Amino acid sequence: MQGARIAAVQAISLGVLISVLIGVVGIVYAKDILALMGGEPELIAEGYGYTQWLIGGNITITLLFLINAIFRGAGNASIAMWALVLSNGLNIILDPHVHLWFWSHSRNGRKRRSSGHQHW
């Protein structure tokens, strides 16, 4: 049991380290990443902030997968399942709000809001 604890701590530590490195690269080079993927200049100017959030916040997904795997490896699949149920439930509830917030604070959203259009 002690070996499993050490392995779990090492896996989480390595996951956090790699996620932070990927997050920093994603935040700093978001425009370059979008350009490498073939994004048009207008798309890059409009969407790099969302790309920064998406890649910069990858630690949440990494930890979700790691902790889930640790629980399953420890033989406690019930907790792993409920962790996924909770995270997916929060995702379903919070995603529309986050997307509407990003849309309403984007350049296009400000134009439409100021011209009297509703974004619902």
N, C-alpha and C. Protein backbone atom coordinates (compact mmCIF):
# COMPACT_ATOMS: atom_id res chain seq x y z
N MET A 1 0.83 -1.20 0.00
CA MET A 1 0.00 0.00 0.00
C MET A 1 0.86 1.26 0.00
N GLN A 2 1.98 1.22 0.71
CA GLN A 2 2.87 2.38 0.76
C GLN A 2 3.43 2.68 -0.62
N GLY A 3 3.76 1.65 -1.39
CA GLY A 3 4.28 1.85 -2.75
C GLY A 3 3.25 2.51 -3.66
N ALA A 4 1.99 2.14 -3.49
CA ALA A 4 0.92 2.74 -4.30
C ALA A 4 0.75 4.22 -3.97
N ARG A 5 0.89 4.55 -2.69
CA ARG A 5 0.79 5.97 -2.30
C ARG A 5 1.91 6.79 -2.91
N ILE A 6 3.11 6.24 -2.87
CA ILE A 6 4.25 6.94 -3.45
C ILE A 6 4.07 7.11 -4.94
N ALA A 7 3.60 6.05 -5.61
CA ALA A 7 3.36 6.13 -7.05
C ALA A 7 2.28 7.15 -7.38
N ALA A 8 1.24 7.23 -6.55
CA ALA A 8 0.16 8.19 -6.79
C ALA A 8 0.67 9.62 -6.64
N VAL A 9 1.46 9.86 -5.61
CA VAL A 9 2.02 11.20 -5.39
C VAL A 9 2.95 11.57 -6.55
N GLN A 10 3.76 10.61 -7.00
CA GLN A 10 4.66 10.88 -8.11
C GLN A 10 3.88 11.17 -9.39
N ALA A 11 2.81 10.41 -9.63
CA ALA A 11 2.00 10.64 -10.83
C ALA A 11 1.34 12.01 -10.81
N ILE A 12 0.79 12.39 -9.66
CA ILE A 12 0.15 13.70 -9.55
C ILE A 12 1.18 14.81 -9.68
N SER A 13 2.35 14.64 -9.04
CA SER A 13 3.40 15.67 -9.13
C SER A 13 3.87 15.84 -10.56
N LEU A 14 4.12 14.73 -11.24
CA LEU A 14 4.55 14.81 -12.64
C LEU A 14 3.46 15.40 -13.52
N GLY A 15 2.20 15.03 -13.27
CA GLY A 15 1.09 15.59 -14.04
C GLY A 15 0.96 17.08 -13.86
N VAL A 16 1.12 17.55 -12.61
CA VAL A 16 1.04 18.99 -12.34
C VAL A 16 2.19 19.72 -13.03
N LEU A 17 3.39 19.16 -12.93
CA LEU A 17 4.56 19.79 -13.55
C LEU A 17 4.39 19.91 -15.07
N ILE A 18 4.01 18.82 -15.71
CA ILE A 18 3.83 18.85 -17.17
C ILE A 18 2.68 19.77 -17.55
N SER A 19 1.59 19.76 -16.79
CA SER A 19 0.45 20.63 -17.09
C SER A 19 0.82 22.10 -16.97
N VAL A 20 1.59 22.44 -15.95
CA VAL A 20 2.01 23.83 -15.78
C VAL A 20 2.89 24.25 -16.95
N LEU A 21 3.81 23.39 -17.36
CA LEU A 21 4.67 23.71 -18.50
C LEU A 21 3.85 23.91 -19.77
N ILE A 22 2.93 22.99 -20.03
CA ILE A 22 2.06 23.12 -21.21
C ILE A 22 1.21 24.37 -21.10
N GLY A 23 0.69 24.66 -19.91
CA GLY A 23 -0.13 25.84 -19.70
C GLY A 23 0.62 27.13 -19.97
N VAL A 24 1.86 27.21 -19.48
CA VAL A 24 2.66 28.42 -19.70
C VAL A 24 2.94 28.60 -21.20
N VAL A 25 3.30 27.51 -21.86
CA VAL A 25 3.55 27.59 -23.31
C VAL A 25 2.27 28.00 -24.04
N GLY A 26 1.14 27.43 -23.62
CA GLY A 26 -0.13 27.77 -24.26
C GLY A 26 -0.55 29.22 -24.05
N ILE A 27 -0.27 29.74 -22.88
CA ILE A 27 -0.63 31.13 -22.59
C ILE A 27 0.28 32.09 -23.36
N VAL A 28 1.58 31.80 -23.36
CA VAL A 28 2.53 32.71 -23.98
C VAL A 28 2.45 32.65 -25.51
N TYR A 29 2.26 31.45 -26.07
CA TYR A 29 2.32 31.28 -27.52
C TYR A 29 0.96 30.95 -28.14
N ALA A 30 -0.13 31.43 -27.56
CA ALA A 30 -1.46 31.11 -28.08
C ALA A 30 -1.64 31.56 -29.53
N LYS A 31 -1.19 32.75 -29.84
CA LYS A 31 -1.33 33.25 -31.22
C LYS A 31 -0.52 32.42 -32.19
N ASP A 32 0.69 32.04 -31.79
CA ASP A 32 1.53 31.23 -32.66
C ASP A 32 0.94 29.83 -32.87
N ILE A 33 0.34 29.27 -31.83
CA ILE A 33 -0.28 27.95 -31.95
C ILE A 33 -1.44 28.01 -32.92
N LEU A 34 -2.26 29.04 -32.81
CA LEU A 34 -3.39 29.17 -33.75
C LEU A 34 -2.89 29.38 -35.17
N ALA A 35 -1.81 30.14 -35.34
CA ALA A 35 -1.25 30.34 -36.68
C ALA A 35 -0.70 29.04 -37.24
N LEU A 36 -0.04 28.23 -36.41
CA LEU A 36 0.46 26.94 -36.87
C LEU A 36 -0.66 25.99 -37.29
N MET A 37 -1.81 26.15 -36.67
CA MET A 37 -2.97 25.32 -37.03
C MET A 37 -3.69 25.86 -38.25
N GLY A 38 -3.20 26.95 -38.83
CA GLY A 38 -3.79 27.48 -40.05
C GLY A 38 -4.86 28.52 -39.83
N GLY A 39 -4.91 29.12 -38.67
CA GLY A 39 -5.91 30.13 -38.38
C GLY A 39 -5.68 31.41 -39.16
N GLU A 40 -6.77 31.99 -39.62
CA GLU A 40 -6.71 33.28 -40.31
C GLU A 40 -6.39 34.38 -39.29
N PRO A 41 -5.82 35.49 -39.74
CA PRO A 41 -5.47 36.58 -38.80
C PRO A 41 -6.66 37.08 -37.99
N GLU A 42 -7.85 37.13 -38.60
CA GLU A 42 -9.04 37.59 -37.86
C GLU A 42 -9.39 36.60 -36.75
N LEU A 43 -9.29 35.31 -37.07
CA LEU A 43 -9.59 34.29 -36.07
C LEU A 43 -8.58 34.35 -34.92
N ILE A 44 -7.32 34.55 -35.26
CA ILE A 44 -6.28 34.62 -34.23
C ILE A 44 -6.52 35.83 -33.32
N ALA A 45 -6.84 36.96 -33.92
CA ALA A 45 -7.08 38.17 -33.12
C ALA A 45 -8.30 38.00 -32.22
N GLU A 46 -9.31 37.30 -32.69
CA GLU A 46 -10.54 37.14 -31.93
C GLU A 46 -10.46 35.99 -30.92
N GLY A 47 -9.74 34.92 -31.26
CA GLY A 47 -9.83 33.71 -30.46
C GLY A 47 -8.63 33.35 -29.62
N TYR A 48 -7.58 34.16 -29.63
CA TYR A 48 -6.40 33.75 -28.88
C TYR A 48 -6.64 33.77 -27.37
N GLY A 49 -7.52 34.63 -26.89
CA GLY A 49 -7.80 34.67 -25.46
C GLY A 49 -8.46 33.39 -24.98
N TYR A 50 -9.38 32.87 -25.79
CA TYR A 50 -10.02 31.60 -25.43
C TYR A 50 -9.00 30.46 -25.47
N THR A 51 -8.09 30.52 -26.45
CA THR A 51 -7.04 29.51 -26.53
C THR A 51 -6.14 29.56 -25.31
N GLN A 52 -5.85 30.75 -24.83
CA GLN A 52 -5.06 30.88 -23.61
C GLN A 52 -5.76 30.24 -22.42
N TRP A 53 -7.05 30.48 -22.29
CA TRP A 53 -7.81 29.87 -21.20
C TRP A 53 -7.85 28.36 -21.34
N LEU A 54 -8.08 27.91 -22.56
CA LEU A 54 -8.24 26.48 -22.80
C LEU A 54 -6.95 25.72 -22.51
N ILE A 55 -5.83 26.16 -23.06
CA ILE A 55 -4.57 25.46 -22.85
C ILE A 55 -4.00 25.78 -21.48
N GLY A 56 -4.19 27.00 -21.02
CA GLY A 56 -3.69 27.37 -19.70
C GLY A 56 -4.37 26.62 -18.57
N GLY A 57 -5.59 26.23 -18.77
CA GLY A 57 -6.34 25.51 -17.75
C GLY A 57 -6.34 24.01 -17.91
N ASN A 58 -5.39 23.47 -18.67
CA ASN A 58 -5.36 22.03 -18.90
C ASN A 58 -5.08 21.23 -17.64
N ILE A 59 -4.61 21.87 -16.59
CA ILE A 59 -4.30 21.15 -15.36
C ILE A 59 -5.55 20.51 -14.76
N THR A 60 -6.71 21.13 -14.96
CA THR A 60 -7.93 20.57 -14.38
C THR A 60 -8.26 19.21 -15.00
N ILE A 61 -8.16 19.11 -16.31
CA ILE A 61 -8.45 17.85 -16.98
C ILE A 61 -7.38 16.81 -16.66
N THR A 62 -6.13 17.24 -16.62
CA THR A 62 -5.04 16.32 -16.29
C THR A 62 -5.25 15.72 -14.90
N LEU A 63 -5.54 16.56 -13.93
CA LEU A 63 -5.77 16.06 -12.57
C LEU A 63 -7.02 15.20 -12.49
N LEU A 64 -8.04 15.54 -13.24
CA LEU A 64 -9.25 14.71 -13.25
C LEU A 64 -8.92 13.30 -13.72
N PHE A 65 -8.19 13.18 -14.82
CA PHE A 65 -7.83 11.86 -15.33
C PHE A 65 -6.89 11.12 -14.39
N LEU A 66 -5.91 11.82 -13.84
CA LEU A 66 -4.96 11.17 -12.94
C LEU A 66 -5.63 10.67 -11.66
N ILE A 67 -6.42 11.50 -11.04
CA ILE A 67 -7.09 11.10 -9.80
C ILE A 67 -8.08 9.98 -10.06
N ASN A 68 -8.77 10.05 -11.19
CA ASN A 68 -9.69 8.98 -11.56
C ASN A 68 -8.92 7.67 -11.73
N ALA A 69 -7.79 7.70 -12.40
CA ALA A 69 -7.00 6.48 -12.60
C ALA A 69 -6.47 5.95 -11.28
N ILE A 70 -6.09 6.84 -10.37
CA ILE A 70 -5.59 6.41 -9.06
C ILE A 70 -6.69 5.70 -8.28
N PHE A 71 -7.89 6.26 -8.28
CA PHE A 71 -9.00 5.61 -7.58
C PHE A 71 -9.33 4.25 -8.21
N ARG A 72 -9.36 4.19 -9.53
CA ARG A 72 -9.63 2.90 -10.18
C ARG A 72 -8.54 1.89 -9.89
N GLY A 73 -7.28 2.35 -9.90
CA GLY A 73 -6.17 1.45 -9.61
C GLY A 73 -6.19 0.95 -8.18
N ALA A 74 -6.73 1.74 -7.28
CA ALA A 74 -6.82 1.34 -5.88
C ALA A 74 -8.02 0.43 -5.63
N GLY A 75 -8.79 0.17 -6.66
CA GLY A 75 -9.94 -0.71 -6.52
C GLY A 75 -11.20 0.01 -6.07
N ASN A 76 -11.23 1.31 -6.13
CA ASN A 76 -12.39 2.08 -5.70
C ASN A 76 -13.03 2.75 -6.91
N ALA A 77 -13.64 1.94 -7.75
CA ALA A 77 -14.23 2.45 -8.98
C ALA A 77 -15.46 3.32 -8.71
N SER A 78 -16.11 3.12 -7.58
CA SER A 78 -17.29 3.92 -7.26
C SER A 78 -16.94 5.39 -7.08
N ILE A 79 -15.89 5.68 -6.35
CA ILE A 79 -15.49 7.08 -6.16
C ILE A 79 -15.04 7.67 -7.49
N ALA A 80 -14.32 6.88 -8.29
CA ALA A 80 -13.88 7.36 -9.61
C ALA A 80 -15.09 7.71 -10.47
N MET A 81 -16.12 6.86 -10.45
CA MET A 81 -17.31 7.14 -11.24
C MET A 81 -18.01 8.41 -10.76
N TRP A 82 -18.14 8.57 -9.44
CA TRP A 82 -18.84 9.75 -8.92
C TRP A 82 -18.05 11.03 -9.17
N ALA A 83 -16.72 10.93 -9.19
CA ALA A 83 -15.91 12.09 -9.54
C ALA A 83 -16.20 12.52 -10.98
N LEU A 84 -16.32 11.54 -11.87
CA LEU A 84 -16.64 11.87 -13.27
C LEU A 84 -18.06 12.41 -13.40
N VAL A 85 -18.99 11.84 -12.68
CA VAL A 85 -20.38 12.32 -12.72
C VAL A 85 -20.44 13.77 -12.24
N LEU A 86 -19.77 14.06 -11.14
CA LEU A 86 -19.76 15.43 -10.61
C LEU A 86 -19.10 16.40 -11.59
N SER A 87 -17.95 16.02 -12.13
CA SER A 87 -17.26 16.93 -13.04
C SER A 87 -18.04 17.15 -14.33
N ASN A 88 -18.65 16.10 -14.86
CA ASN A 88 -19.46 16.27 -16.06
C ASN A 88 -20.72 17.08 -15.78
N GLY A 89 -21.32 16.89 -14.61
CA GLY A 89 -22.48 17.70 -14.25
C GLY A 89 -22.14 19.18 -14.15
N LEU A 90 -21.00 19.48 -13.49
CA LEU A 90 -20.56 20.88 -13.42
C LEU A 90 -20.25 21.43 -14.81
N ASN A 91 -19.66 20.60 -15.65
CA ASN A 91 -19.35 21.02 -17.01
C ASN A 91 -20.62 21.37 -17.78
N ILE A 92 -21.63 20.54 -17.65
CA ILE A 92 -22.90 20.78 -18.35
C ILE A 92 -23.56 22.07 -17.84
N ILE A 93 -23.48 22.31 -16.55
CA ILE A 93 -24.11 23.50 -15.97
C ILE A 93 -23.31 24.77 -16.28
N LEU A 94 -21.99 24.72 -16.14
CA LEU A 94 -21.18 25.92 -16.24
C LEU A 94 -20.80 26.31 -17.67
N ASP A 95 -20.67 25.34 -18.58
CA ASP A 95 -20.24 25.65 -19.94
C ASP A 95 -21.09 26.71 -20.64
N PRO A 96 -22.41 26.59 -20.64
CA PRO A 96 -23.18 27.64 -21.33
C PRO A 96 -22.93 29.03 -20.77
N HIS A 97 -22.77 29.13 -19.46
CA HIS A 97 -22.53 30.43 -18.84
C HIS A 97 -21.17 30.99 -19.23
N VAL A 98 -20.16 30.13 -19.24
CA VAL A 98 -18.81 30.58 -19.61
C VAL A 98 -18.79 30.99 -21.07
N HIS A 99 -19.43 30.21 -21.93
CA HIS A 99 -19.44 30.54 -23.36
C HIS A 99 -20.18 31.85 -23.61
N LEU A 100 -21.30 32.05 -22.94
CA LEU A 100 -22.03 33.31 -23.11
C LEU A 100 -21.21 34.48 -22.58
N TRP A 101 -20.47 34.28 -21.49
CA TRP A 101 -19.63 35.35 -20.96
C TRP A 101 -18.54 35.71 -21.95
N PHE A 102 -17.86 34.70 -22.51
CA PHE A 102 -16.82 34.98 -23.49
C PHE A 102 -17.41 35.67 -24.71
N TRP A 103 -18.58 35.20 -25.16
CA TRP A 103 -19.19 35.78 -26.36
C TRP A 103 -19.58 37.23 -26.08
N SER A 104 -20.18 37.49 -24.93
CA SER A 104 -20.65 38.85 -24.66
C SER A 104 -19.51 39.82 -24.43
N HIS A 105 -18.33 39.31 -24.07
CA HIS A 105 -17.18 40.19 -23.85
C HIS A 105 -16.23 40.22 -25.04
N SER A 106 -16.59 39.52 -26.11
CA SER A 106 -15.76 39.58 -27.31
C SER A 106 -16.10 40.82 -28.12
N ARG A 107 -15.30 41.12 -29.10
CA ARG A 107 -15.53 42.29 -29.94
C ARG A 107 -16.88 42.17 -30.66
N ASN A 108 -17.17 40.99 -31.20
CA ASN A 108 -18.43 40.77 -31.92
C ASN A 108 -19.62 40.92 -30.97
N GLY A 109 -19.50 40.39 -29.76
CA GLY A 109 -20.58 40.50 -28.79
C GLY A 109 -20.84 41.94 -28.39
N ARG A 110 -19.79 42.72 -28.23
CA ARG A 110 -19.97 44.14 -27.87
C ARG A 110 -20.65 44.89 -29.01
N LYS A 111 -20.29 44.57 -30.26
CA LYS A 111 -20.93 45.24 -31.39
C LYS A 111 -22.42 44.95 -31.41
N ARG A 112 -22.77 43.68 -31.27
CA ARG A 112 -24.19 43.32 -31.32
C ARG A 112 -24.96 43.88 -30.14
N ARG A 113 -24.34 43.85 -28.96
CA ARG A 113 -25.02 44.35 -27.77
C ARG A 113 -25.27 45.85 -27.90
N SER A 114 -24.30 46.57 -28.47
CA SER A 114 -24.47 48.01 -28.57
C SER A 114 -25.44 48.39 -29.68
N SER A 115 -25.70 47.47 -30.62
CA SER A 115 -26.63 47.78 -31.70
C SER A 115 -28.05 47.28 -31.40
N GLY A 116 -28.27 46.78 -30.18
CA GLY A 116 -29.61 46.39 -29.80
C GLY A 116 -29.94 44.92 -30.03
N HIS A 117 -29.03 44.11 -30.50
CA HIS A 117 -29.30 42.68 -30.69
C HIS A 117 -29.23 41.93 -29.38
N GLN A 118 -30.07 40.93 -29.26
CA GLN A 118 -30.03 40.05 -28.09
C GLN A 118 -29.13 38.86 -28.41
N HIS A 119 -28.36 38.36 -27.44
CA HIS A 119 -27.49 37.23 -27.69
C HIS A 119 -28.02 35.93 -27.09
N TRP A 120 -29.29 35.87 -26.79
CA TRP A 120 -29.84 34.61 -26.23
C TRP A 120 -30.35 33.79 -27.35
